[in-house]
Amino acid sequence: MNAAEAPVFGDPDWNQYRARVAAALTDVEADMQQRGYGLNNEGLTLEVAGRLQLGVATADDFQVLEALVKSLRPIAREAVRTTRENQGGQYSLLLL
């Protein structure tokens, strides 16, 4: 699926899609902080697209996903900070 075809506000699947993007963004933020790297919005958008297997082949696709990443980034950073404080800097590893 391309990012421009993803659910938009008001669609029945919007909340689920937004939650998936927020979870992927939180994972990327945590990975980057653990490695000591930083990414700008463009880099984060591409990382999130890769993790969610969303196509961003056109400028419209990229802009749609980038807008969502920009709006969710403060939430992702707060989730990482809260997790770090609650777990003393340790992240649980889920083994399947």
Protein backbone atom coordinates (compact mmCIF):
# COMPACT_ATOMS: atom_id res chain seq x y z
CA MET A 1 0.00 0.00 0.00
CA ASN A 2 1.21 3.49 -0.74
CA ALA A 3 1.08 6.12 1.99
CA ALA A 4 -1.32 8.29 0.01
CA GLU A 5 -3.80 5.38 -0.07
CA ALA A 6 -3.68 4.88 3.71
CA PRO A 7 -6.71 5.66 5.88
CA VAL A 8 -7.35 9.31 6.64
CA PHE A 9 -9.06 11.01 9.57
CA GLY A 10 -12.67 9.89 9.64
CA ASP A 11 -12.09 6.50 8.02
CA PRO A 12 -13.04 3.46 10.13
CA ASP A 13 -9.43 2.22 10.11
CA TRP A 14 -7.87 5.59 10.96
CA ASN A 15 -7.22 4.92 14.66
CA GLN A 16 -5.61 1.56 13.96
CA TYR A 17 -3.40 3.04 11.23
CA ARG A 18 -2.37 5.99 13.39
CA ALA A 19 -1.52 3.62 16.25
CA ARG A 20 0.65 1.49 13.92
CA VAL A 21 2.51 4.57 12.71
CA ALA A 22 2.97 5.80 16.28
CA ALA A 23 4.32 2.41 17.39
CA ALA A 24 6.75 2.24 14.46
CA LEU A 25 7.87 5.81 15.10
CA THR A 26 8.41 5.06 18.80
CA ASP A 27 10.53 2.04 17.86
CA VAL A 28 12.63 4.13 15.48
CA GLU A 29 13.09 6.87 18.09
CA ALA A 30 14.16 4.30 20.71
CA ASP A 31 16.60 2.66 18.29
CA MET A 32 18.14 5.98 17.34
CA GLN A 33 18.51 7.10 20.97
CA GLN A 34 20.11 3.80 21.98
CA ARG A 35 22.61 4.09 19.14
CA GLY A 36 23.27 7.76 19.80
CA TYR A 37 22.02 8.86 16.39
CA GLY A 38 19.48 11.43 15.39
CA LEU A 39 17.22 11.57 12.37
CA ASN A 40 15.43 14.49 10.84
CA ASN A 41 11.77 14.23 9.83
CA GLU A 42 12.66 12.98 6.36
CA GLY A 43 14.81 10.17 7.72
CA LEU A 44 12.18 9.20 10.27
CA THR A 45 9.51 9.15 7.57
CA LEU A 46 11.56 6.79 5.43
CA GLU A 47 12.32 4.53 8.42
CA VAL A 48 8.64 4.37 9.39
CA ALA A 49 7.65 3.64 5.80
CA GLY A 50 10.15 0.80 5.70
CA ARG A 51 8.94 -0.73 8.95
CA LEU A 52 5.29 -0.52 7.91
CA GLN A 53 6.01 -1.55 4.32
CA LEU A 54 4.36 1.60 2.99
CA GLY A 55 5.27 2.87 -0.43
CA VAL A 56 6.57 6.43 -0.62
CA ALA A 57 7.45 6.47 -4.31
CA THR A 58 5.79 9.79 -5.10
CA ALA A 59 5.99 13.20 -3.48
CA ASP A 60 2.34 12.92 -2.42
CA ASP A 61 3.01 9.61 -0.64
CA PHE A 62 5.98 11.09 1.18
CA GLN A 63 4.19 14.30 2.17
CA VAL A 64 1.19 12.44 3.59
CA LEU A 65 3.32 10.17 5.76
CA GLU A 66 5.71 12.97 6.72
CA ALA A 67 2.82 15.09 8.02
CA LEU A 68 1.68 12.22 10.23
CA VAL A 69 5.22 11.54 11.44
CA LYS A 70 5.69 15.22 12.32
CA SER A 71 2.46 15.28 14.33
CA LEU A 72 3.20 12.02 16.17
CA ARG A 73 6.89 12.62 16.90
CA PRO A 74 6.35 14.39 20.26
CA ILE A 75 4.15 11.47 21.36
CA ALA A 76 6.83 8.97 20.34
CA ARG A 77 9.53 10.89 22.19
CA GLU A 78 7.39 11.02 25.32
CA ALA A 79 6.73 7.28 25.09
CA VAL A 80 10.47 6.60 24.85
CA ARG A 81 11.20 8.91 27.78
CA THR A 82 8.50 7.29 29.91
CA THR A 83 9.72 3.80 29.09
CA ARG A 84 13.29 4.77 29.89
CA GLU A 85 12.27 6.22 33.27
CA ASN A 86 9.97 3.34 34.19
CA GLN A 87 12.45 0.64 33.24
CA GLY A 88 15.63 2.38 34.30
CA GLY A 89 16.86 2.62 30.73
CA GLN A 90 16.20 -1.03 29.96
CA TYR A 91 13.88 -2.12 27.19
CA SER A 92 12.23 -5.50 27.34
CA LEU A 93 13.11 -7.93 24.58
CA LEU A 94 10.22 -9.99 23.26
CA LEU A 95 11.38 -13.39 22.09
CA LEU A 96 9.05 -15.21 19.75
